[in-house]
C-alpha atoms as a PDB file:
ATOM      1  CA  UNK A   1      93.130 110.827  63.671  1.00  0.00           C
ATOM      2  CA  UNK A   2      96.107 113.391  64.029  1.00  0.00           C
ATOM      3  CA  UNK A   3      95.026 115.030  60.405  1.00  0.00           C
ATOM      4  CA  UNK A   4      91.237 114.449  61.003  1.00  0.00           C
ATOM      5  CA  UNK A   5      91.757 116.809  64.513  1.00  0.00           C
ATOM      6  CA  UNK A   6      94.019 119.470  62.890  1.00  0.00           C
ATOM      7  CA  UNK A   7      90.588 119.484  60.019  1.00  0.00           C
ATOM      8  CA  UNK A   8      88.191 119.730  62.866  1.00  0.00           C
ATOM      9  CA  UNK A   9      90.352 122.667  64.132  1.00  0.00           C
ATOM     10  CA  UNK A  10      90.278 124.738  61.014  1.00  0.00           C
ATOM     11  CA  UNK A  11      86.761 124.535  60.411  1.00  0.00           C
ATOM     12  CA  UNK A  12      86.331 125.461  63.888  1.00  0.00           C
ATOM     13  CA  UNK A  13      88.708 128.776  64.040  1.00  0.00           C
ATOM     14  CA  UNK A  14      88.717 129.810  60.793  1.00  0.00           C
ATOM     15  CA  UNK A  15      85.373 129.204  59.595  1.00  0.00           C
ATOM     16  CA  UNK A  16      86.052 127.590  56.222  1.00  0.00           C
ATOM     17  CA  UNK A  17      84.184 124.830  54.553  1.00  0.00           C
ATOM     18  CA  UNK A  18      84.615 121.358  55.382  1.00  0.00           C
ATOM     19  CA  UNK A  19      86.004 120.679  51.660  1.00  0.00           C
ATOM     20  CA  UNK A  20      88.688 123.493  51.875  1.00  0.00           C
ATOM     21  CA  UNK A  21      89.831 122.381  55.147  1.00  0.00           C
ATOM     22  CA  UNK A  22      90.349 119.376  54.440  1.00  0.00           C
ATOM     23  CA  UNK A  23      92.407 120.075  51.198  1.00  0.00           C
ATOM     24  CA  UNK A  24      94.269 122.317  53.532  1.00  0.00           C
ATOM     25  CA  UNK A  25      95.255 119.344  55.661  1.00  0.00           C
ATOM     26  CA  UNK A  26      95.622 116.769  52.920  1.00  0.00           C
ATOM     27  CA  UNK A  27      92.851 114.613  54.798  1.00  0.00           C
ATOM     28  CA  UNK A  28      89.966 112.292  52.859  1.00  0.00           C
ATOM     29  CA  UNK A  29      87.072 114.350  54.090  1.00  0.00           C
ATOM     30  CA  UNK A  30      85.252 111.197  54.413  1.00  0.00           C
ATOM     31  CA  UNK A  31      87.563 110.543  57.712  1.00  0.00           C
ATOM     32  CA  UNK A  32      86.388 113.975  58.717  1.00  0.00           C
ATOM     33  CA  UNK A  33      82.418 112.757  58.283  1.00  0.00           C
ATOM     34  CA  UNK A  34      82.763 109.385  59.857  1.00  0.00           C
ATOM     35  CA  UNK A  35      82.070 109.703  63.779  1.00  0.00           C
ATOM     36  CA  UNK A  36      84.788 108.332  65.894  1.00  0.00           C
ATOM     37  CA  UNK A  37      84.117 104.842  67.272  1.00  0.00           C
ATOM     38  CA  UNK A  38      82.869 104.047  70.725  1.00  0.00           C
ATOM     39  CA  UNK A  39      84.398 103.931  73.631  1.00  0.00           C
ATOM     40  CA  UNK A  40      83.916  99.849  74.179  1.00  0.00           C
ATOM     41  CA  UNK A  41      84.016 100.791  77.590  1.00  0.00           C
ATOM     42  CA  UNK A  42      81.800  97.468  79.145  1.00  0.00           C
ATOM     43  CA  UNK A  43      84.030  95.096  76.510  1.00  0.00           C
ATOM     44  CA  UNK A  44      86.865  96.718  78.354  1.00  0.00           C
ATOM     45  CA  UNK A  45      85.531  96.038  81.454  1.00  0.00           C
ATOM     46  CA  UNK A  46      84.808  92.554  80.786  1.00  0.00           C
ATOM     47  CA  UNK A  47      88.340  91.698  79.202  1.00  0.00           C
ATOM     48  CA  UNK A  48      89.802  93.300  82.306  1.00  0.00           C
ATOM     49  CA  UNK A  49      87.346  90.512  84.668  1.00  0.00           C
ATOM     50  CA  UNK A  50      89.048  88.010  82.422  1.00  0.00           C
ATOM     51  CA  UNK A  51      92.340  88.473  82.468  1.00  0.00           C
ATOM     52  CA  UNK A  52      92.035  89.420  86.148  1.00  0.00           C
ATOM     53  CA  UNK A  53      91.228  85.286  86.656  1.00  0.00           C
ATOM     54  CA  UNK A  54      92.971  84.333  83.325  1.00  0.00           C
ATOM     55  CA  UNK A  55      96.205  85.785  83.746  1.00  0.00           C
ATOM     56  CA  UNK A  56      98.242  83.601  80.872  1.00  0.00           C
ATOM     57  CA  UNK A  57      95.459  84.403  78.706  1.00  0.00           C
ATOM     58  CA  UNK A  58      96.259  86.330  75.298  1.00  0.00           C
ATOM     59  CA  UNK A  59      93.682  88.158  73.258  1.00  0.00           C
ATOM     60  CA  UNK A  60      92.938  84.974  71.116  1.00  0.00           C
ATOM     61  CA  UNK A  61      91.614  82.918  74.370  1.00  0.00           C
ATOM     62  CA  UNK A  62      90.335  86.232  75.901  1.00  0.00           C
ATOM     63  CA  UNK A  63      88.671  87.099  72.573  1.00  0.00           C
ATOM     64  CA  UNK A  64      86.531  83.226  72.497  1.00  0.00           C
ATOM     65  CA  UNK A  65      85.836  84.039  75.959  1.00  0.00           C
ATOM     66  CA  UNK A  66      84.078  87.055  75.332  1.00  0.00           C
ATOM     67  CA  UNK A  67      82.365  85.315  72.278  1.00  0.00           C
ATOM     68  CA  UNK A  68      80.488  82.860  74.569  1.00  0.00           C
ATOM     69  CA  UNK A  69      79.221  85.785  76.310  1.00  0.00           C
ATOM     70  CA  UNK A  70      77.493  86.961  73.523  1.00  0.00           C
ATOM     71  CA  UNK A  71      80.677  89.906  72.649  1.00  0.00           C
ATOM     72  CA  UNK A  72      81.712  89.422  68.904  1.00  0.00           C
ATOM     73  CA  UNK A  73      84.057  92.026  67.202  1.00  0.00           C
ATOM     74  CA  UNK A  74      86.908  91.790  64.286  1.00  0.00           C
ATOM     75  CA  UNK A  75      90.411  90.467  65.742  1.00  0.00           C
ATOM     76  CA  UNK A  76      91.894  93.625  64.659  1.00  0.00           C
ATOM     77  CA  UNK A  77      89.724  95.729  67.130  1.00  0.00           C
ATOM     78  CA  UNK A  78      90.089  92.956  69.991  1.00  0.00           C
ATOM     79  CA  UNK A  79      93.941  93.111  69.375  1.00  0.00           C
ATOM     80  CA  UNK A  80      93.901  96.818  69.767  1.00  0.00           C
ATOM     81  CA  UNK A  81      91.997  97.372  72.888  1.00  0.00           C
ATOM     82  CA  UNK A  82      93.642  94.344  74.489  1.00  0.00           C
ATOM     83  CA  UNK A  83      96.996  96.532  74.126  1.00  0.00           C
ATOM     84  CA  UNK A  84      95.188  99.598  75.337  1.00  0.00           C
ATOM     85  CA  UNK A  85      94.127  98.199  78.491  1.00  0.00           C
ATOM     86  CA  UNK A  86      97.976  97.070  78.858  1.00  0.00           C
ATOM     87  CA  UNK A  87      97.064  93.112  78.813  1.00  0.00           C
ATOM     88  CA  UNK A  88     100.156  91.487  77.440  1.00  0.00           C
ATOM     89  CA  UNK A  89     101.414  88.306  78.776  1.00  0.00           C
ATOM     90  CA  UNK A  90     105.288  89.106  79.677  1.00  0.00           C
ATOM     91  CA  UNK A  91     107.079  86.041  78.752  1.00  0.00           C
ATOM     92  CA  UNK A  92     108.166  84.092  81.312  1.00  0.00           C
ATOM     93  CA  UNK A  93     112.130  83.935  81.955  1.00  0.00           C
ATOM     94  CA  UNK A  94     114.538  82.701  84.769  1.00  0.00           C
ATOM     95  CA  UNK A  95     112.996  81.045  87.981  1.00  0.00           C
ATOM     96  CA  UNK A  96     109.539  80.609  88.697  1.00  0.00           C
ATOM     97  CA  UNK A  97     108.266  84.236  90.587  1.00  0.00           C
ATOM     98  CA  UNK A  98     105.176  85.450  92.108  1.00  0.00           C
ATOM     99  CA  UNK A  99     103.568  87.328  89.718  1.00  0.00           C
ATOM    100  CA  UNK A 100     101.438  89.866  92.396  1.00  0.00           C
ATOM    101  CA  UNK A 101      98.546  91.272  90.314  1.00  0.00           C
ATOM    102  CA  UNK A 102      97.826  91.952  86.292  1.00  0.00           C
ATOM    103  CA  UNK A 103      96.496  95.021  86.709  1.00  0.00           C
ATOM    104  CA  UNK A 104      98.548  98.239  85.967  1.00  0.00           C
ATOM    105  CA  UNK A 105     100.055 100.163  88.839  1.00  0.00           C
ATOM    106  CA  UNK A 106      97.970 102.546  90.182  1.00  0.00           C
ATOM    107  CA  UNK A 107      98.713 106.422  90.609  1.00  0.00           C
ATOM    108  CA  UNK A 108     100.236 107.838  93.959  1.00  0.00           C
ATOM    109  CA  UNK A 109      97.194 109.939  93.816  1.00  0.00           C
ATOM    110  CA  UNK A 110      96.366 110.051  97.810  1.00  0.00           C
ATOM    111  CA  UNK A 111      97.274 109.054 101.027  1.00  0.00           C
ATOM    112  CA  UNK A 112      97.762 104.974 101.259  1.00  0.00           C
ATOM    113  CA  UNK A 113      96.926 104.711  97.844  1.00  0.00           C
ATOM    114  CA  UNK A 114     100.152 103.092  97.183  1.00  0.00           C
ATOM    115  CA  UNK A 115     103.521 102.295  99.621  1.00  0.00           C
ATOM    116  CA  UNK A 116     106.896 100.952  97.905  1.00  0.00           C
ATOM    117  CA  UNK A 117     108.807  98.390  99.612  1.00  0.00           C
ATOM    118  CA  UNK A 118     112.940  97.296  99.918  1.00  0.00           C
ATOM    119  CA  UNK A 119     115.355  96.119 101.170  1.00  0.00           C
ATOM    120  CA  UNK A 120     118.833  98.111 102.265  1.00  0.00           C
ATOM    121  CA  UNK A 121     122.026  96.792 103.490  1.00  0.00           C
ATOM    122  CA  UNK A 122     125.286  97.945 105.251  1.00  0.00           C
ATOM    123  CA  UNK A 123     127.718  96.658 107.830  1.00  0.00           C
ATOM    124  CA  UNK A 124     128.775  96.955 111.467  1.00  0.00           C
ATOM    125  CA  UNK A 125     132.424  98.115 112.141  1.00  0.00           C
ATOM    126  CA  UNK A 126     132.800  94.259 112.778  1.00  0.00           C
ATOM    127  CA  UNK A 127     131.809  93.440 109.074  1.00  0.00           C
ATOM    128  CA  UNK A 128     129.426  91.274 109.585  1.00  0.00           C
ATOM    129  CA  UNK A 129     126.126  92.423 107.709  1.00  0.00           C
ATOM    130  CA  UNK A 130     122.171  93.791 108.516  1.00  0.00           C
ATOM    131  CA  UNK A 131     119.736  94.379 106.399  1.00  0.00           C
ATOM    132  CA  UNK A 132     117.392  97.370 106.476  1.00  0.00           C
ATOM    133  CA  UNK A 133     113.075  96.970 105.191  1.00  0.00           C
ATOM    134  CA  UNK A 134     112.050 100.568 104.104  1.00  0.00           C
ATOM    135  CA  UNK A 135     108.402 101.450 103.754  1.00  0.00           C
ATOM    136  CA  UNK A 136     107.625 104.346 101.864  1.00  0.00           C
ATOM    137  CA  UNK A 137     103.906 106.291 100.862  1.00  0.00           C
ATOM    138  CA  UNK A 138     104.119 107.146  97.781  1.00  0.00           C
ATOM    139  CA  UNK A 139     102.087 109.899  97.792  1.00  0.00           C
ATOM    140  CA  UNK A 140     103.559 112.243 100.435  1.00  0.00           C
ATOM    141  CA  UNK A 141     107.077 110.023 100.334  1.00  0.00           C
ATOM    142  CA  UNK A 142     106.115 109.583 104.188  1.00  0.00           C
ATOM    143  CA  UNK A 143     109.143 106.706 105.748  1.00  0.00           C
ATOM    144  CA  UNK A 144     106.610 104.813 107.030  1.00  0.00           C
ATOM    145  CA  UNK A 145     109.230 102.480 109.073  1.00  0.00           C
ATOM    146  CA  UNK A 146     112.520 101.466 109.177  1.00  0.00           C
ATOM    147  CA  UNK A 147     113.472  98.081 110.397  1.00  0.00           C
ATOM    148  CA  UNK A 148     116.988  97.198 110.918  1.00  0.00           C
ATOM    149  CA  UNK A 149     117.858  93.278 111.757  1.00  0.00           C
ATOM    150  CA  UNK A 150     119.887  90.491 110.764  1.00  0.00           C
ATOM    151  CA  UNK A 151     117.645  88.862 109.438  1.00  0.00           C
ATOM    152  CA  UNK A 152     114.454  89.841 107.765  1.00  0.00           C
ATOM    153  CA  UNK A 153     112.313  86.973 106.883  1.00  0.00           C
ATOM    154  CA  UNK A 154     108.684  87.119 104.899  1.00  0.00           C
ATOM    155  CA  UNK A 155     107.114  86.039 107.505  1.00  0.00           C
ATOM    156  CA  UNK A 156     108.768  89.266 109.853  1.00  0.00           C
ATOM    157  CA  UNK A 157     107.528  91.640 107.003  1.00  0.00           C
ATOM    158  CA  UNK A 158     104.243  90.348 107.171  1.00  0.00           C
ATOM    159  CA  UNK A 159     104.121  91.168 110.775  1.00  0.00           C
ATOM    160  CA  UNK A 160     105.211  94.454 110.561  1.00  0.00           C
ATOM    161  CA  UNK A 161     103.011  95.154 107.422  1.00  0.00           C
ATOM    162  CA  UNK A 162     100.272  94.485 110.005  1.00  0.00           C
ATOM    163  CA  UNK A 163     101.602  97.067 112.424  1.00  0.00           C
ATOM    164  CA  UNK A 164     101.927  99.917 109.963  1.00  0.00           C
ATOM    165  CA  UNK A 165      98.384  98.745 108.732  1.00  0.00           C
ATOM    166  CA  UNK A 166      97.155  99.152 112.585  1.00  0.00           C
ATOM    167  CA  UNK A 167      98.736 102.697 112.533  1.00  0.00           C
ATOM    168  CA  UNK A 168      98.129 104.155 109.083  1.00  0.00           C
ATOM    169  CA  UNK A 169      95.038 102.271 107.713  1.00  0.00           C
ATOM    170  CA  UNK A 170      95.609  99.690 104.926  1.00  0.00           C
ATOM    171  CA  UNK A 171      97.038 100.728 101.619  1.00  0.00           C
ATOM    172  CA  UNK A 172      95.553 100.534  97.713  1.00  0.00           C
ATOM    173  CA  UNK A 173      98.284  98.722  97.002  1.00  0.00           C
ATOM    174  CA  UNK A 174     101.972  97.477  97.508  1.00  0.00           C
ATOM    175  CA  UNK A 175     105.099  97.689  95.228  1.00  0.00           C
ATOM    176  CA  UNK A 176     108.220  95.664  95.314  1.00  0.00           C
ATOM    177  CA  UNK A 177     110.524  93.848  93.941  1.00  0.00           C
ATOM    178  CA  UNK A 178     110.724  90.289  93.265  1.00  0.00           C
ATOM    179  CA  UNK A 179     113.089  89.407  96.741  1.00  0.00           C
ATOM    180  CA  UNK A 180     112.366  85.993  97.700  1.00  0.00           C
ATOM    181  CA  UNK A 181     110.989  88.055 100.936  1.00  0.00           C
ATOM    182  CA  UNK A 182     108.110  89.548  98.770  1.00  0.00           C
ATOM    183  CA  UNK A 183     107.559  86.482  97.064  1.00  0.00           C
ATOM    184  CA  UNK A 184     107.138  84.060  99.696  1.00  0.00           C
ATOM    185  CA  UNK A 185     104.400  81.748 101.094  1.00  0.00           C
ATOM    186  CA  UNK A 186     103.770  84.219 104.292  1.00  0.00           C
ATOM    187  CA  UNK A 187     103.473  87.184 102.249  1.00  0.00           C
ATOM    188  CA  UNK A 188     101.155  85.741  99.640  1.00  0.00           C
ATOM    189  CA  UNK A 189      99.461  84.521 102.222  1.00  0.00           C
ATOM    190  CA  UNK A 190      98.948  87.774 103.900  1.00  0.00           C
ATOM    191  CA  UNK A 191      98.426  90.091 100.942  1.00  0.00           C
ATOM    192  CA  UNK A 192      95.197  87.686  99.940  1.00  0.00           C
ATOM    193  CA  UNK A 193      93.992  87.484 103.812  1.00  0.00           C
ATOM    194  CA  UNK A 194      94.256  91.501 104.143  1.00  0.00           C
ATOM    195  CA  UNK A 195      92.489  92.032 100.244  1.00  0.00           C
ATOM    196  CA  UNK A 196      96.086  94.240  99.627  1.00  0.00           C
ATOM    197  CA  UNK A 197      96.735  93.664  95.908  1.00  0.00           C
ATOM    198  CA  UNK A 198     100.413  93.426  95.330  1.00  0.00           C
ATOM    199  CA  UNK A 199     102.224  94.939  92.677  1.00  0.00           C
ATOM    200  CA  UNK A 200     106.041  93.398  91.782  1.00  0.00           C
ATOM    201  CA  UNK A 201     107.639  95.455  89.017  1.00  0.00           C
ATOM    202  CA  UNK A 202     109.813  93.364  86.075  1.00  0.00           C
ATOM    203  CA  UNK A 203     112.835  91.491  86.660  1.00  0.00           C
ATOM    204  CA  UNK A 204     115.880  93.788  86.496  1.00  0.00           C
ATOM    205  CA  UNK A 205     113.703  97.208  86.136  1.00  0.00           C
ATOM    206  CA  UNK A 206     113.947  99.242  89.476  1.00  0.00           C
ATOM    207  CA  UNK A 207     113.177 102.114  87.894  1.00  0.00           C
ATOM    208  CA  UNK A 208     109.227 101.378  87.942  1.00  0.00           C
ATOM    209  CA  UNK A 209     110.273 101.236  91.639  1.00  0.00           C
ATOM    210  CA  UNK A 210     111.756 104.900  91.508  1.00  0.00           C
ATOM    211  CA  UNK A 211     110.411 106.286  94.433  1.00  0.00           C
ATOM    212  CA  UNK A 212     111.538 103.773  96.947  1.00  0.00           C
ATOM    213  CA  UNK A 213     114.933 103.711  95.357  1.00  0.00           C
ATOM    214  CA  UNK A 214     115.391 107.484  95.452  1.00  0.00           C
ATOM    215  CA  UNK A 215     114.598 107.404  98.618  1.00  0.00           C
ATOM    216  CA  UNK A 216     117.510 104.513  99.182  1.00  0.00           C
ATOM    217  CA  UNK A 217     120.142 106.588  97.632  1.00  0.00           C
ATOM    218  CA  UNK A 218     118.836 109.440 100.042  1.00  0.00           C
ATOM    219  CA  UNK A 219     119.378 107.122 103.038  1.00  0.00           C
ATOM    220  CA  UNK A 220     122.805 105.585 102.229  1.00  0.00           C
ATOM    221  CA  UNK A 221     124.062 109.391 101.612  1.00  0.00           C
ATOM    222  CA  UNK A 222     122.189 111.306 104.241  1.00  0.00           C
ATOM    223  CA  UNK A 223     122.982 108.223 107.046  1.00  0.00           C
ATOM    224  CA  UNK A 224     124.792 104.990 105.905  1.00  0.00           C
ATOM    225  CA  UNK A 225     127.610 106.361 104.072  1.00  0.00           C
ATOM    226  CA  UNK A 226     127.923 109.100 106.983  1.00  0.00           C
ATOM    227  CA  UNK A 227     127.889 106.492 110.396  1.00  0.00           C
ATOM    228  CA  UNK A 228     129.772 104.111 111.998  1.00  0.00           C
ATOM    229  CA  UNK A 229     127.167 101.115 113.325  1.00  0.00           C
ATOM    230  CA  UNK A 230     128.949  99.407 116.509  1.00  0.00           C
ATOM    231  CA  UNK A 231     125.400  97.346 117.072  1.00  0.00           C
ATOM    232  CA  UNK A 232     122.117  96.394 115.841  1.00  0.00           C
ATOM    233  CA  UNK A 233     120.768  98.660 118.496  1.00  0.00           C
ATOM    234  CA  UNK A 234     122.706 101.866 118.038  1.00  0.00           C
ATOM    235  CA  UNK A 235     121.726 101.153 114.264  1.00  0.00           C
ATOM    236  CA  UNK A 236     118.369 101.139 115.163  1.00  0.00           C
ATOM    237  CA  UNK A 237     119.007 104.668 117.499  1.00  0.00           C
ATOM    238  CA  UNK A 238     120.375 106.402 114.716  1.00  0.00           C
ATOM    239  CA  UNK A 239     117.731 105.475 111.970  1.00  0.00           C
ATOM    240  CA  UNK A 240     115.159 105.853 113.941  1.00  0.00           C
ATOM    241  CA  UNK A 241     116.539 109.839 114.723  1.00  0.00           C
ATOM    242  CA  UNK A 242     117.115 109.880 110.797  1.00  0.00           C
ATOM    243  CA  UNK A 243     113.412 108.482 110.128  1.00  0.00           C
ATOM    244  CA  UNK A 244     112.019 111.285 112.188  1.00  0.00           C
ATOM    245  CA  UNK A 245     113.890 114.200 110.821  1.00  0.00           C
ATOM    246  CA  UNK A 246     113.153 112.708 107.040  1.00  0.00           C
ATOM    247  CA  UNK A 247     109.222 113.525 108.062  1.00  0.00           C
ATOM    248  CA  UNK A 248     109.236 116.251 110.086  1.00  0.00           C
ATOM    249  CA  UNK A 249     112.759 118.364 108.987  1.00  0.00           C
ATOM    250  CA  UNK A 250     114.125 117.914 105.363  1.00  0.00           C
ATOM    251  CA  UNK A 251     112.097 119.676 102.836  1.00  0.00           C
ATOM    252  CA  UNK A 252     111.235 117.700  99.756  1.00  0.00           C
ATOM    253  CA  UNK A 253     111.548 119.287  96.365  1.00  0.00           C
ATOM    254  CA  UNK A 254     108.714 117.283  94.683  1.00  0.00           C
ATOM    255  CA  UNK A 255     106.478 118.692  97.693  1.00  0.00           C
ATOM    256  CA  UNK A 256     107.245 121.947  97.130  1.00  0.00           C
ATOM    257  CA  UNK A 257     109.951 121.883  99.968  1.00  0.00           C
ATOM    258  CA  UNK A 258     106.728 120.853 102.795  1.00  0.00           C
ATOM    259  CA  UNK A 259     107.994 117.975 104.606  1.00  0.00           C
ATOM    260  CA  UNK A 260     106.133 114.481 104.515  1.00  0.00           C
ATOM    261  CA  UNK A 261     104.159 114.806 107.537  1.00  0.00           C
ATOM    262  CA  UNK A 262     102.799 118.641 106.413  1.00  0.00           C
ATOM    263  CA  UNK A 263     101.767 116.931 103.057  1.00  0.00           C
ATOM    264  CA  UNK A 264      99.784 114.208 104.659  1.00  0.00           C
ATOM    265  CA  UNK A 265      98.361 116.685 106.891  1.00  0.00           C
ATOM    266  CA  UNK A 266      97.150 119.012 103.930  1.00  0.00           C
ATOM    267  CA  UNK A 267      96.071 116.077 102.452  1.00  0.00           C
ATOM    268  CA  UNK A 268      94.115 114.517 105.800  1.00  0.00           C
ATOM    269  CA  UNK A 269      92.559 117.911 106.045  1.00  0.00           C
ATOM    270  CA  UNK A 270      91.293 117.947 102.166  1.00  0.00           C
ATOM    271  CA  UNK A 271      89.668 114.876 102.790  1.00  0.00           C
ATOM    272  CA  UNK A 272      88.692 115.113 106.506  1.00  0.00           C
ATOM    273  CA  UNK A 273      90.479 112.090 107.594  1.00  0.00           C
ATOM    274  CA  UNK A 274      92.483 109.371 107.335  1.00  0.00           C
ATOM    275  CA  UNK A 275      90.139 106.206 106.576  1.00  0.00           C
ATOM    276  CA  UNK A 276      91.155 103.310 108.660  1.00  0.00           C
ATOM    277  CA  UNK A 277      94.200 105.227 110.852  1.00  0.00           C
ATOM    278  CA  UNK A 278      94.376 103.191 114.043  1.00  0.00           C
ATOM    279  CA  UNK A 279      92.223 100.989 113.310  1.00  0.00           C
ATOM    280  CA  UNK A 280      91.622  98.590 116.870  1.00  0.00           C
ATOM    281  CA  UNK A 281      92.080  94.855 116.281  1.00  0.00           C
ATOM    282  CA  UNK A 282      90.485  92.388 118.436  1.00  0.00           C
ATOM    283  CA  UNK A 283      93.554  89.813 117.916  1.00  0.00           C
ATOM    284  CA  UNK A 284      97.241  90.912 119.009  1.00  0.00           C
ATOM    285  CA  UNK A 285      99.647  90.952 115.995  1.00  0.00           C
ATOM    286  CA  UNK A 286     102.548  89.729 118.682  1.00  0.00           C
ATOM    287  CA  UNK A 287     101.054  87.124 120.994  1.00  0.00           C
ATOM    288  CA  UNK A 288     105.165  86.963 122.625  1.00  0.00           C
ATOM    289  CA  UNK A 289     105.449  90.019 124.997  1.00  0.00           C
ATOM    290  CA  UNK A 290     109.390  90.156 124.358  1.00  0.00           C
ATOM    291  CA  UNK A 291     108.432  90.997 121.010  1.00  0.00           C
ATOM    292  CA  UNK A 292     108.984  95.172 119.895  1.00  0.00           C
ATOM    293  CA  UNK A 293     107.360  97.110 117.033  1.00  0.00           C
ATOM    294  CA  UNK A 294     109.908  98.065 114.909  1.00  0.00           C
ATOM    295  CA  UNK A 295     108.827 101.391 113.422  1.00  0.00           C
END
């Protein structure tokens, strides 16, 4: 295809005949005269729908189901489209894990297009460990919350995500690793009830969740390695102050040295408003009045 395109460019730019352009580039004239095959958009859509429902089906079984719908094609073309759509079935290794959605991870091109989650661990001065749940918006790099506690279960993560949705609106996709909290029944139930696609990165490949990993590095370098925490309340207070500075003061080179909140305001003004933000719910998220929102 590259030589065909080169021959077409020579014909267009230098006003030479097709035969001479093909001789100069070294391509058969038949390849230039032949029309490009259609993109097969309908076939790709049907394959995506089948693969979404049947996650462990390879291209042969998908091809059989397409034939039942009256769509027939050469097996080589079927395999090429199957690979181009990124539908290859991953080989399962090790323990059983939640697989999440099979569709490719969406790009973070807008506010709430993609949220990333991860845990960071640290210790008090008495050597007791505590954990921090970090949630960021991949588009604006805004830190949506830093939840610190000695124990963070999947149910607690689900409650915090529901609280964030009421403030910022619902994300189009959530990305995380395969940690036990993120693959728990509470999270799977929450994602299903809220219709939020959950994308799990491949085991042992944190680079697929690079934005939150970069955020974790900044959090550890600028706060956790600089401060000594004596209590959980003290840690929460310092995390809140650092998060406010990170979102409103600290410049980000990936945002043209803007702050995350400046980037969010720019995008919201460009689109009009943030859809679904500050949405009200009739059902209270925290029935226990002693529970506090950890934002």
